[in-house]
Amino acid sequence: GLGFDSILWHTLNHGGRTVFLEENSEWLETMAKDHDYLEAYHVNYTTVLSDADELLYYAKSYGDSICSPSVINGADLRVSDCKLVIKSLPSQIYGVKWDVIMIDAPTGFFPRAPGRMGAIFTSAAMAMAKLKGAESTDVLLHDVDRPVEKSFGLEFLCPKNLVESVGRLWHFHIPGEAIPTRGQTAIKTSFCL
C-alpha cells in the first residue's frame, strides 16, 4: 500500500522498479497528485478478514489440486480457480520474478477488512515461481503479531524460509526453486514441503 514511506522505498531502490498496490482509490489519487513518479495501482480485494479461518482450511483442503504450488507454478495466476489468488492485480505485475515483496497491505484489523490472506498466498506463489530473473525473492511480512499474518505467513511462506524477525516484521528468503508440475513425477502439494 501507499504511505508516506513510499517515497523512501522508491528512493532506496534507485534505478530499480518499485510498485505499490493500493486498496483505497481516493488515497491513491491524493498521493499521485504530489508524487506522480511513483508506480502505483488500485487493487480490489475479494477476501474478507472474517473468512480467514475458512480460507486457510480451504487452501489446505485443496492443497493437492487448485491451490497447490504444482498447479499454481507456471500457470497464469489471473485464471486460477484458487480463491486465495489475487486476480485483480495489473497485468504487468504477473509473470515477474520480484527481488523483494513487502506485505503491509491491505487493511487487516477489522472483520470486514480485506485482510492479507490473498496477499500472502499470492506473494508466496510469485516468490516460488521459477521465472527468468532473480533466483530468489525476499518477502517482508508486517504485523505478524496478528493471527492472520502469523498463520498465513507460516503456512505459505514457510518457517524454513524465515531468516529474521524484528518486532512485528518477519523476513522470509524464498529460493527460486523449480516446483514440479503435474506432468512431472513429484507433485508438490504444500508450500512448505
N, C-alpha and C. Protein backbone atom coordinates (compact mmCIF):
# COMPACT_ATOMS: atom_id res chain seq x y z
N GLY A 1 0.82 -1.19 0.00
CA GLY A 1 0.00 0.00 0.00
C GLY A 1 0.86 1.25 0.00
N LEU A 2 0.25 2.31 -0.42
CA LEU A 2 0.93 3.61 -0.43
C LEU A 2 0.90 4.22 0.96
N GLY A 3 1.98 4.83 1.34
CA GLY A 3 2.07 5.55 2.60
C GLY A 3 3.11 6.63 2.45
N PHE A 4 3.32 7.37 3.51
CA PHE A 4 4.33 8.42 3.44
C PHE A 4 5.73 7.84 3.32
N ASP A 5 5.89 6.56 3.65
CA ASP A 5 7.18 5.90 3.49
C ASP A 5 7.42 5.43 2.05
N SER A 6 6.43 5.54 1.19
CA SER A 6 6.57 5.09 -0.20
C SER A 6 7.69 5.83 -0.92
N ILE A 7 7.86 7.11 -0.60
CA ILE A 7 8.91 7.90 -1.22
C ILE A 7 10.28 7.33 -0.83
N LEU A 8 10.41 6.92 0.43
CA LEU A 8 11.65 6.30 0.90
C LEU A 8 11.94 5.02 0.14
N TRP A 9 10.96 4.13 0.02
CA TRP A 9 11.16 2.84 -0.68
C TRP A 9 11.54 3.09 -2.14
N HIS A 10 10.86 4.04 -2.78
CA HIS A 10 11.17 4.37 -4.17
C HIS A 10 12.62 4.86 -4.29
N THR A 11 13.03 5.73 -3.38
CA THR A 11 14.37 6.31 -3.41
C THR A 11 15.44 5.26 -3.12
N LEU A 12 15.19 4.39 -2.16
CA LEU A 12 16.16 3.34 -1.83
C LEU A 12 16.40 2.38 -2.98
N ASN A 13 15.42 2.22 -3.84
CA ASN A 13 15.52 1.31 -4.99
C ASN A 13 15.87 2.09 -6.26
N HIS A 14 16.73 3.07 -6.13
CA HIS A 14 17.12 3.92 -7.25
C HIS A 14 17.59 3.06 -8.44
N GLY A 15 16.99 3.31 -9.57
CA GLY A 15 17.33 2.57 -10.78
C GLY A 15 16.58 1.27 -10.93
N GLY A 16 15.86 0.86 -9.89
CA GLY A 16 15.05 -0.36 -9.95
C GLY A 16 13.57 -0.01 -10.11
N ARG A 17 12.78 -1.01 -10.14
CA ARG A 17 11.33 -0.83 -10.29
C ARG A 17 10.66 -1.08 -8.94
N THR A 18 9.95 -0.10 -8.44
CA THR A 18 9.22 -0.20 -7.18
C THR A 18 7.75 0.04 -7.49
N VAL A 19 6.92 -0.93 -7.12
CA VAL A 19 5.49 -0.86 -7.43
C VAL A 19 4.70 -0.90 -6.12
N PHE A 20 3.69 -0.07 -6.05
CA PHE A 20 2.81 -0.04 -4.88
C PHE A 20 1.41 -0.44 -5.31
N LEU A 21 0.77 -1.27 -4.49
CA LEU A 21 -0.59 -1.72 -4.74
C LEU A 21 -1.47 -1.16 -3.63
N GLU A 22 -2.46 -0.36 -3.99
CA GLU A 22 -3.25 0.39 -3.01
C GLU A 22 -4.73 0.02 -3.11
N GLU A 23 -5.35 -0.23 -1.97
CA GLU A 23 -6.77 -0.60 -1.94
C GLU A 23 -7.70 0.60 -1.94
N ASN A 24 -7.22 1.76 -1.50
CA ASN A 24 -8.07 2.95 -1.38
C ASN A 24 -7.83 3.87 -2.58
N SER A 25 -8.79 3.93 -3.47
CA SER A 25 -8.62 4.72 -4.71
C SER A 25 -8.48 6.21 -4.42
N GLU A 26 -9.16 6.71 -3.39
CA GLU A 26 -9.04 8.13 -3.05
C GLU A 26 -7.63 8.45 -2.55
N TRP A 27 -7.08 7.59 -1.72
CA TRP A 27 -5.72 7.79 -1.22
C TRP A 27 -4.72 7.70 -2.37
N LEU A 28 -4.95 6.79 -3.30
CA LEU A 28 -4.09 6.66 -4.48
C LEU A 28 -4.07 7.98 -5.26
N GLU A 29 -5.24 8.57 -5.49
CA GLU A 29 -5.32 9.85 -6.21
C GLU A 29 -4.60 10.96 -5.44
N THR A 30 -4.77 10.99 -4.14
CA THR A 30 -4.12 12.01 -3.31
C THR A 30 -2.60 11.90 -3.43
N MET A 31 -2.08 10.70 -3.30
CA MET A 31 -0.62 10.50 -3.39
C MET A 31 -0.11 10.80 -4.80
N ALA A 32 -0.89 10.43 -5.81
CA ALA A 32 -0.46 10.63 -7.20
C ALA A 32 -0.33 12.11 -7.54
N LYS A 33 -1.12 12.95 -6.92
CA LYS A 33 -1.06 14.39 -7.21
C LYS A 33 0.32 14.97 -6.90
N ASP A 34 0.87 14.58 -5.77
CA ASP A 34 2.16 15.13 -5.35
C ASP A 34 3.35 14.25 -5.69
N HIS A 35 3.08 12.99 -6.03
CA HIS A 35 4.17 12.04 -6.27
C HIS A 35 3.88 11.22 -7.53
N ASP A 36 3.73 11.90 -8.65
CA ASP A 36 3.34 11.21 -9.89
C ASP A 36 4.41 10.28 -10.44
N TYR A 37 5.61 10.31 -9.88
CA TYR A 37 6.68 9.42 -10.31
C TYR A 37 6.56 8.02 -9.69
N LEU A 38 5.70 7.87 -8.68
CA LEU A 38 5.51 6.56 -8.06
C LEU A 38 4.65 5.68 -8.96
N GLU A 39 5.06 4.45 -9.15
CA GLU A 39 4.25 3.49 -9.91
C GLU A 39 3.31 2.81 -8.92
N ALA A 40 2.04 3.17 -9.02
CA ALA A 40 1.05 2.67 -8.06
C ALA A 40 -0.24 2.34 -8.78
N TYR A 41 -0.90 1.27 -8.30
CA TYR A 41 -2.12 0.79 -8.93
C TYR A 41 -3.18 0.50 -7.87
N HIS A 42 -4.40 0.71 -8.25
CA HIS A 42 -5.53 0.39 -7.38
C HIS A 42 -5.85 -1.10 -7.52
N VAL A 43 -6.11 -1.75 -6.39
CA VAL A 43 -6.42 -3.18 -6.38
C VAL A 43 -7.71 -3.40 -5.61
N ASN A 44 -8.61 -4.19 -6.18
CA ASN A 44 -9.82 -4.62 -5.47
C ASN A 44 -9.56 -6.00 -4.90
N TYR A 45 -9.72 -6.12 -3.61
CA TYR A 45 -9.53 -7.41 -2.94
C TYR A 45 -10.89 -8.08 -2.75
N THR A 46 -10.92 -9.38 -2.90
CA THR A 46 -12.19 -10.12 -2.84
C THR A 46 -12.38 -10.88 -1.54
N THR A 47 -11.37 -10.88 -0.69
CA THR A 47 -11.48 -11.61 0.58
C THR A 47 -11.96 -10.68 1.69
N VAL A 48 -12.42 -11.30 2.77
CA VAL A 48 -12.86 -10.57 3.96
C VAL A 48 -12.19 -11.23 5.16
N LEU A 49 -11.62 -10.41 6.03
CA LEU A 49 -10.85 -10.91 7.17
C LEU A 49 -11.62 -11.93 8.00
N SER A 50 -12.91 -11.73 8.17
CA SER A 50 -13.70 -12.65 8.99
C SER A 50 -13.77 -14.05 8.39
N ASP A 51 -13.39 -14.21 7.12
CA ASP A 51 -13.38 -15.53 6.46
C ASP A 51 -12.00 -16.19 6.49
N ALA A 52 -11.05 -15.63 7.22
CA ALA A 52 -9.67 -16.11 7.19
C ALA A 52 -9.54 -17.58 7.56
N ASP A 53 -10.18 -18.01 8.64
CA ASP A 53 -10.06 -19.42 9.06
C ASP A 53 -10.62 -20.35 7.99
N GLU A 54 -11.76 -19.97 7.42
CA GLU A 54 -12.38 -20.77 6.36
C GLU A 54 -11.47 -20.83 5.13
N LEU A 55 -10.83 -19.72 4.78
CA LEU A 55 -9.94 -19.69 3.62
C LEU A 55 -8.68 -20.52 3.84
N LEU A 56 -8.17 -20.52 5.06
CA LEU A 56 -7.00 -21.35 5.36
C LEU A 56 -7.37 -22.83 5.27
N TYR A 57 -8.51 -23.19 5.81
CA TYR A 57 -8.99 -24.57 5.71
C TYR A 57 -9.19 -24.96 4.24
N TYR A 58 -9.78 -24.05 3.47
CA TYR A 58 -10.00 -24.27 2.03
C TYR A 58 -8.68 -24.54 1.31
N ALA A 59 -7.67 -23.70 1.58
CA ALA A 59 -6.38 -23.87 0.91
C ALA A 59 -5.74 -25.20 1.27
N LYS A 60 -5.86 -25.60 2.52
CA LYS A 60 -5.29 -26.89 2.94
C LYS A 60 -6.09 -28.05 2.35
N SER A 61 -7.41 -27.89 2.24
CA SER A 61 -8.26 -28.95 1.69
C SER A 61 -8.01 -29.17 0.20
N TYR A 62 -7.71 -28.08 -0.50
CA TYR A 62 -7.45 -28.17 -1.94
C TYR A 62 -5.96 -28.11 -2.23
N GLY A 63 -5.14 -28.46 -1.24
CA GLY A 63 -3.69 -28.40 -1.38
C GLY A 63 -3.14 -29.28 -2.47
N ASP A 64 -3.85 -30.33 -2.84
CA ASP A 64 -3.34 -31.20 -3.90
C ASP A 64 -4.02 -30.93 -5.23
N SER A 65 -4.78 -29.86 -5.31
CA SER A 65 -5.43 -29.55 -6.58
C SER A 65 -5.26 -28.07 -6.92
N ILE A 66 -6.32 -27.29 -6.90
CA ILE A 66 -6.27 -25.94 -7.46
C ILE A 66 -5.40 -24.94 -6.71
N CYS A 67 -5.10 -25.18 -5.44
CA CYS A 67 -4.28 -24.25 -4.67
C CYS A 67 -2.87 -24.77 -4.41
N SER A 68 -2.50 -25.88 -5.00
CA SER A 68 -1.17 -26.43 -4.74
C SER A 68 -0.12 -25.67 -5.55
N PRO A 69 1.09 -25.60 -5.01
CA PRO A 69 2.18 -24.96 -5.76
C PRO A 69 2.41 -25.60 -7.12
N SER A 70 2.16 -26.91 -7.23
CA SER A 70 2.37 -27.60 -8.51
C SER A 70 1.42 -27.09 -9.59
N VAL A 71 0.21 -26.74 -9.19
CA VAL A 71 -0.76 -26.21 -10.15
C VAL A 71 -0.53 -24.73 -10.38
N ILE A 72 -0.22 -23.99 -9.31
CA ILE A 72 -0.03 -22.55 -9.40
C ILE A 72 1.23 -22.21 -10.20
N ASN A 73 2.32 -22.92 -9.97
CA ASN A 73 3.60 -22.60 -10.59
C ASN A 73 3.50 -22.69 -12.12
N GLY A 74 3.91 -21.63 -12.76
CA GLY A 74 3.93 -21.60 -14.21
C GLY A 74 2.58 -21.29 -14.83
N ALA A 75 1.52 -21.33 -14.04
CA ALA A 75 0.20 -21.01 -14.56
C ALA A 75 -0.02 -19.50 -14.51
N ASP A 76 -0.94 -19.04 -15.32
CA ASP A 76 -1.32 -17.64 -15.28
C ASP A 76 -2.22 -17.46 -14.06
N LEU A 77 -1.73 -16.78 -13.05
CA LEU A 77 -2.48 -16.62 -11.81
C LEU A 77 -3.83 -15.94 -12.03
N ARG A 78 -3.94 -15.14 -13.07
CA ARG A 78 -5.19 -14.41 -13.32
C ARG A 78 -6.35 -15.34 -13.67
N VAL A 79 -6.06 -16.57 -14.05
CA VAL A 79 -7.12 -17.52 -14.40
C VAL A 79 -7.19 -18.69 -13.42
N SER A 80 -6.50 -18.56 -12.29
CA SER A 80 -6.52 -19.61 -11.28
C SER A 80 -7.91 -19.74 -10.67
N ASP A 81 -8.27 -20.96 -10.30
CA ASP A 81 -9.53 -21.20 -9.62
C ASP A 81 -9.39 -21.14 -8.10
N CYS A 82 -8.17 -20.95 -7.60
CA CYS A 82 -7.94 -20.89 -6.16
C CYS A 82 -8.46 -19.55 -5.62
N LYS A 83 -9.30 -19.61 -4.59
CA LYS A 83 -9.93 -18.41 -4.00
C LYS A 83 -8.91 -17.45 -3.38
N LEU A 84 -7.73 -17.93 -3.06
CA LEU A 84 -6.74 -17.08 -2.41
C LEU A 84 -5.86 -16.29 -3.38
N VAL A 85 -5.89 -16.62 -4.64
CA VAL A 85 -5.07 -15.90 -5.62
C VAL A 85 -5.73 -14.56 -5.91
N ILE A 86 -4.93 -13.52 -5.84
CA ILE A 86 -5.43 -12.19 -6.22
C ILE A 86 -5.35 -12.09 -7.74
N LYS A 87 -6.51 -11.96 -8.36
CA LYS A 87 -6.57 -11.93 -9.83
C LYS A 87 -6.77 -10.52 -10.37
N SER A 88 -6.88 -9.54 -9.47
CA SER A 88 -7.18 -8.18 -9.90
C SER A 88 -5.95 -7.27 -9.95
N LEU A 89 -4.76 -7.84 -9.86
CA LEU A 89 -3.57 -7.02 -9.98
C LEU A 89 -3.40 -6.58 -11.43
N PRO A 90 -2.71 -5.48 -11.67
CA PRO A 90 -2.44 -5.07 -13.06
C PRO A 90 -1.66 -6.16 -13.78
N SER A 91 -1.91 -6.34 -15.05
CA SER A 91 -1.30 -7.43 -15.80
C SER A 91 0.23 -7.38 -15.78
N GLN A 92 0.81 -6.19 -15.67
CA GLN A 92 2.27 -6.09 -15.68
C GLN A 92 2.91 -6.54 -14.37
N ILE A 93 2.13 -6.93 -13.38
CA ILE A 93 2.66 -7.42 -12.11
C ILE A 93 2.90 -8.94 -12.19
N TYR A 94 2.06 -9.62 -12.94
CA TYR A 94 2.16 -11.08 -13.05
C TYR A 94 3.33 -11.46 -13.96
N GLY A 95 3.89 -12.63 -13.71
CA GLY A 95 4.95 -13.14 -14.57
C GLY A 95 6.29 -12.45 -14.35
N VAL A 96 6.41 -11.70 -13.25
CA VAL A 96 7.66 -11.02 -12.92
C VAL A 96 8.26 -11.72 -11.72
N LYS A 97 9.55 -11.96 -11.75
CA LYS A 97 10.25 -12.53 -10.60
C LYS A 97 10.76 -11.34 -9.78
N TRP A 98 10.04 -11.02 -8.72
CA TRP A 98 10.37 -9.86 -7.89
C TRP A 98 11.52 -10.19 -6.95
N ASP A 99 12.43 -9.25 -6.76
CA ASP A 99 13.54 -9.41 -5.82
C ASP A 99 13.02 -9.33 -4.38
N VAL A 100 12.14 -8.37 -4.13
CA VAL A 100 11.59 -8.14 -2.80
C VAL A 100 10.10 -7.88 -2.91
N ILE A 101 9.34 -8.50 -2.02
CA ILE A 101 7.91 -8.22 -1.89
C ILE A 101 7.67 -7.84 -0.44
N MET A 102 7.05 -6.69 -0.24
CA MET A 102 6.71 -6.27 1.12
C MET A 102 5.20 -6.33 1.27
N ILE A 103 4.74 -7.07 2.28
CA ILE A 103 3.31 -7.20 2.53
C ILE A 103 2.96 -6.38 3.76
N ASP A 104 2.39 -5.21 3.51
CA ASP A 104 1.95 -4.32 4.57
C ASP A 104 0.58 -3.76 4.20
N ALA A 105 -0.15 -4.51 3.42
CA ALA A 105 -1.48 -4.12 2.95
C ALA A 105 -2.11 -5.39 2.39
N PRO A 106 -3.39 -5.44 2.21
CA PRO A 106 -4.38 -4.42 2.51
C PRO A 106 -4.71 -4.36 3.99
N THR A 107 -5.71 -3.57 4.31
CA THR A 107 -6.17 -3.41 5.69
C THR A 107 -6.54 -4.77 6.27
N GLY A 108 -6.13 -5.00 7.52
CA GLY A 108 -6.40 -6.30 8.11
C GLY A 108 -6.66 -6.26 9.60
N PHE A 109 -7.33 -5.22 10.08
CA PHE A 109 -7.51 -5.15 11.53
C PHE A 109 -8.97 -5.03 11.98
N PHE A 110 -9.95 -5.23 11.08
CA PHE A 110 -11.34 -5.31 11.50
C PHE A 110 -12.05 -6.32 10.61
N PRO A 111 -13.10 -6.96 11.11
CA PRO A 111 -13.71 -8.13 10.44
C PRO A 111 -14.09 -7.95 8.97
N ARG A 112 -14.55 -6.78 8.55
CA ARG A 112 -14.98 -6.58 7.16
C ARG A 112 -13.85 -6.10 6.25
N ALA A 113 -12.66 -5.94 6.81
CA ALA A 113 -11.49 -5.54 6.01
C ALA A 113 -11.10 -6.70 5.09
N PRO A 114 -10.38 -6.41 4.00
CA PRO A 114 -9.97 -7.48 3.09
C PRO A 114 -9.02 -8.50 3.73
N GLY A 115 -8.21 -8.06 4.67
CA GLY A 115 -7.22 -8.97 5.26
C GLY A 115 -6.10 -9.27 4.28
N ARG A 116 -5.04 -9.87 4.78
CA ARG A 116 -3.85 -10.13 3.96
C ARG A 116 -3.73 -11.57 3.52
N MET A 117 -4.81 -12.34 3.61
CA MET A 117 -4.75 -13.75 3.25
C MET A 117 -4.32 -13.91 1.79
N GLY A 118 -5.00 -13.22 0.89
CA GLY A 118 -4.68 -13.31 -0.54
C GLY A 118 -3.32 -12.72 -0.87
N ALA A 119 -2.96 -11.63 -0.19
CA ALA A 119 -1.66 -11.00 -0.44
C ALA A 119 -0.52 -11.95 -0.07
N ILE A 120 -0.67 -12.64 1.05
CA ILE A 120 0.38 -13.58 1.47
C ILE A 120 0.44 -14.77 0.52
N PHE A 121 -0.71 -15.35 0.20
CA PHE A 121 -0.75 -16.52 -0.68
C PHE A 121 -0.19 -16.18 -2.07
N THR A 122 -0.65 -15.07 -2.65
CA THR A 122 -0.21 -14.69 -3.99
C THR A 122 1.28 -14.34 -4.00
N SER A 123 1.75 -13.68 -2.96
CA SER A 123 3.18 -13.37 -2.86
C SER A 123 4.01 -14.64 -2.78
N ALA A 124 3.54 -15.62 -2.01
CA ALA A 124 4.25 -16.90 -1.92
C ALA A 124 4.31 -17.58 -3.28
N ALA A 125 3.19 -17.59 -3.99
CA ALA A 125 3.15 -18.22 -5.32
C ALA A 125 4.11 -17.52 -6.28
N MET A 126 4.12 -16.19 -6.25
CA MET A 126 5.03 -15.44 -7.13
C MET A 126 6.48 -15.67 -6.74
N ALA A 127 6.76 -15.71 -5.44
CA ALA A 127 8.14 -15.89 -4.97
C ALA A 127 8.68 -17.26 -5.31
N MET A 128 7.83 -18.28 -5.28
CA MET A 128 8.28 -19.65 -5.53
C MET A 128 8.33 -20.01 -7.01
N ALA A 129 7.72 -19.19 -7.85
CA ALA A 129 7.71 -19.48 -9.28
C ALA A 129 9.12 -19.43 -9.84
N LYS A 130 9.40 -20.32 -10.74
CA LYS A 130 10.70 -20.35 -11.41
C LYS A 130 10.55 -19.54 -12.69
N LEU A 131 10.96 -18.29 -12.63
CA LEU A 131 10.85 -17.39 -13.77
C LEU A 131 12.22 -16.82 -14.10
N LYS A 132 12.33 -16.26 -15.27
CA LYS A 132 13.58 -15.61 -15.66
C LYS A 132 13.77 -14.39 -14.75
N GLY A 133 14.98 -14.21 -14.27
CA GLY A 133 15.26 -13.08 -13.40
C GLY A 133 15.90 -13.54 -12.12
N ALA A 134 15.50 -12.94 -11.02
CA ALA A 134 16.09 -13.23 -9.72
C ALA A 134 15.96 -14.70 -9.38
N GLU A 135 16.95 -15.24 -8.73
CA GLU A 135 16.92 -16.64 -8.31
C GLU A 135 16.09 -16.83 -7.05
N SER A 136 15.94 -15.76 -6.28
CA SER A 136 15.18 -15.87 -5.04
C SER A 136 14.41 -14.57 -4.83
N THR A 137 13.50 -14.62 -3.86
CA THR A 137 12.71 -13.45 -3.52
C THR A 137 12.70 -13.31 -2.00
N ASP A 138 12.95 -12.11 -1.54
CA ASP A 138 12.82 -11.81 -0.12
C ASP A 138 11.44 -11.24 0.11
N VAL A 139 10.72 -11.81 1.08
CA VAL A 139 9.37 -11.35 1.40
C VAL A 139 9.38 -10.81 2.82
N LEU A 140 8.95 -9.57 2.95
CA LEU A 140 8.84 -8.93 4.25
C LEU A 140 7.36 -8.88 4.62
N LEU A 141 7.02 -9.45 5.75
CA LEU A 141 5.63 -9.52 6.20
C LEU A 141 5.49 -8.73 7.49
N HIS A 142 4.64 -7.70 7.44
CA HIS A 142 4.44 -6.83 8.59
C HIS A 142 3.21 -7.23 9.37
N ASP A 143 3.18 -6.86 10.63
CA ASP A 143 2.05 -7.10 11.54
C ASP A 143 1.87 -8.56 11.89
N VAL A 144 2.96 -9.27 12.08
CA VAL A 144 2.89 -10.70 12.40
C VAL A 144 2.40 -10.97 13.82
N ASP A 145 2.13 -9.92 14.57
CA ASP A 145 1.52 -10.09 15.88
C ASP A 145 0.03 -10.38 15.75
N ARG A 146 -0.52 -10.23 14.54
CA ARG A 146 -1.93 -10.53 14.30
C ARG A 146 -2.07 -11.97 13.82
N PRO A 147 -3.15 -12.64 14.20
CA PRO A 147 -3.31 -14.07 13.89
C PRO A 147 -3.24 -14.42 12.40
N VAL A 148 -3.87 -13.63 11.54
CA VAL A 148 -3.89 -13.95 10.10
C VAL A 148 -2.50 -13.85 9.50
N GLU A 149 -1.80 -12.78 9.78
CA GLU A 149 -0.46 -12.61 9.22
C GLU A 149 0.45 -13.74 9.69
N LYS A 150 0.34 -14.08 10.97
CA LYS A 150 1.19 -15.14 11.52
C LYS A 150 0.86 -16.51 10.91
N SER A 151 -0.42 -16.89 10.92
CA SER A 151 -0.78 -18.24 10.44
C SER A 151 -0.59 -18.38 8.93
N PHE A 152 -0.99 -17.40 8.15
CA PHE A 152 -0.83 -17.49 6.70
C PHE A 152 0.65 -17.37 6.32
N GLY A 153 1.40 -16.54 7.04
CA GLY A 153 2.83 -16.43 6.78
C GLY A 153 3.55 -17.75 7.00
N LEU A 154 3.25 -18.41 8.11
CA LEU A 154 3.90 -19.70 8.39
C LEU A 154 3.44 -20.78 7.42
N GLU A 155 2.18 -20.75 7.02
CA GLU A 155 1.63 -21.78 6.13
C GLU A 155 2.16 -21.67 4.70
N PHE A 156 2.30 -20.45 4.18
CA PHE A 156 2.64 -20.28 2.77
C PHE A 156 4.04 -19.74 2.50
N LEU A 157 4.62 -19.00 3.44
CA LEU A 157 5.98 -18.50 3.26
C LEU A 157 6.99 -19.43 3.93
N CYS A 158 6.52 -20.22 4.89
CA CYS A 158 7.23 -21.35 5.49
C CYS A 158 8.27 -20.99 6.55
N PRO A 159 8.17 -21.66 7.69
CA PRO A 159 9.14 -21.44 8.77
C PRO A 159 10.58 -21.66 8.33
N LYS A 160 10.83 -22.62 7.44
CA LYS A 160 12.21 -22.89 7.00
C LYS A 160 12.80 -21.70 6.24
N ASN A 161 11.93 -20.82 5.70
CA ASN A 161 12.40 -19.66 4.95
C ASN A 161 12.50 -18.40 5.78
N LEU A 162 12.08 -18.46 7.04
CA LEU A 162 12.13 -17.30 7.93
C LEU A 162 13.58 -17.08 8.38
N VAL A 163 14.17 -15.97 7.96
CA VAL A 163 15.57 -15.73 8.26
C VAL A 163 15.79 -14.67 9.34
N GLU A 164 14.77 -13.85 9.58
CA GLU A 164 14.94 -12.80 10.57
C GLU A 164 13.59 -12.31 11.05
N SER A 165 13.55 -11.89 12.30
CA SER A 165 12.34 -11.35 12.90
C SER A 165 12.72 -10.15 13.75
N VAL A 166 12.08 -9.02 13.47
CA VAL A 166 12.33 -7.81 14.25
C VAL A 166 10.97 -7.21 14.59
N GLY A 167 10.63 -7.22 15.88
CA GLY A 167 9.33 -6.68 16.29
C GLY A 167 8.20 -7.38 15.58
N ARG A 168 7.40 -6.63 14.85
CA ARG A 168 6.23 -7.17 14.15
C ARG A 168 6.53 -7.48 12.68
N LEU A 169 7.81 -7.55 12.32
CA LEU A 169 8.21 -7.77 10.93
C LEU A 169 8.99 -9.07 10.80
N TRP A 170 8.56 -9.92 9.86
CA TRP A 170 9.29 -11.14 9.53
C TRP A 170 9.90 -11.00 8.15
N HIS A 171 11.11 -11.55 8.01
CA HIS A 171 11.81 -11.56 6.73
C HIS A 171 11.97 -13.02 6.30
N PHE A 172 11.37 -13.35 5.17
CA PHE A 172 11.49 -14.68 4.58
C PHE A 172 12.38 -14.58 3.34
N HIS A 173 13.21 -15.59 3.14
CA HIS A 173 14.03 -15.68 1.93
C HIS A 173 13.54 -16.93 1.18
N ILE A 174 12.86 -16.70 0.05
CA ILE A 174 12.25 -17.79 -0.71
C ILE A 174 13.16 -18.13 -1.89
N PRO A 175 13.74 -19.33 -1.90
CA PRO A 175 14.59 -19.71 -3.04
C PRO A 175 13.75 -19.85 -4.30
N GLY A 176 14.34 -19.52 -5.42
CA GLY A 176 13.66 -19.67 -6.71
C GLY A 176 13.68 -21.11 -7.15
N GLU A 177 13.03 -21.94 -6.40
CA GLU A 177 13.07 -23.37 -6.66
C GLU A 177 12.09 -23.76 -7.77
N ALA A 178 12.49 -24.71 -8.54
CA ALA A 178 11.58 -25.23 -9.56
C ALA A 178 10.60 -26.17 -8.87
N ILE A 179 9.34 -25.83 -8.95
CA ILE A 179 8.31 -26.66 -8.33
C ILE A 179 7.80 -27.64 -9.38
N PRO A 180 7.86 -28.93 -9.11
CA PRO A 180 7.38 -29.88 -10.10
C PRO A 180 5.92 -29.61 -10.47
N THR A 181 5.60 -29.74 -11.73
CA THR A 181 4.23 -29.53 -12.18
C THR A 181 3.58 -30.89 -12.43
N ARG A 182 2.31 -30.87 -12.76
CA ARG A 182 1.53 -32.10 -12.91
C ARG A 182 2.15 -33.11 -13.89
N GLY A 183 2.88 -32.64 -14.88
CA GLY A 183 3.48 -33.56 -15.84
C GLY A 183 4.73 -34.25 -15.33
N GLN A 184 5.24 -33.83 -14.17
CA GLN A 184 6.45 -34.41 -13.62
C GLN A 184 6.07 -35.40 -12.52
N THR A 185 7.04 -36.15 -12.06
CA THR A 185 6.74 -37.23 -11.11
C THR A 185 6.38 -36.74 -9.72
N ALA A 186 7.12 -35.81 -9.15
CA ALA A 186 6.84 -35.37 -7.78
C ALA A 186 5.91 -34.17 -7.80
N ILE A 187 4.77 -34.31 -7.20
CA ILE A 187 3.80 -33.22 -7.12
C ILE A 187 3.96 -32.55 -5.77
N LYS A 188 4.26 -31.28 -5.79
CA LYS A 188 4.39 -30.53 -4.53
C LYS A 188 3.00 -30.06 -4.13
N THR A 189 2.48 -30.57 -3.03
CA THR A 189 1.12 -30.26 -2.62
C THR A 189 1.08 -29.24 -1.50
N SER A 190 2.20 -28.92 -0.91
CA SER A 190 2.26 -27.93 0.16
C SER A 190 3.36 -26.93 -0.16
N PHE A 191 3.16 -25.70 0.24
CA PHE A 191 4.18 -24.69 0.01
C PHE A 191 5.43 -24.96 0.84
N CYS A 192 5.28 -25.70 1.92
CA CYS A 192 6.39 -25.84 2.88
C CYS A 192 6.98 -27.24 2.95
N LEU A 193 6.87 -28.04 1.91
CA LEU A 193 7.49 -29.37 1.92
C LEU A 193 8.99 -29.25 1.79
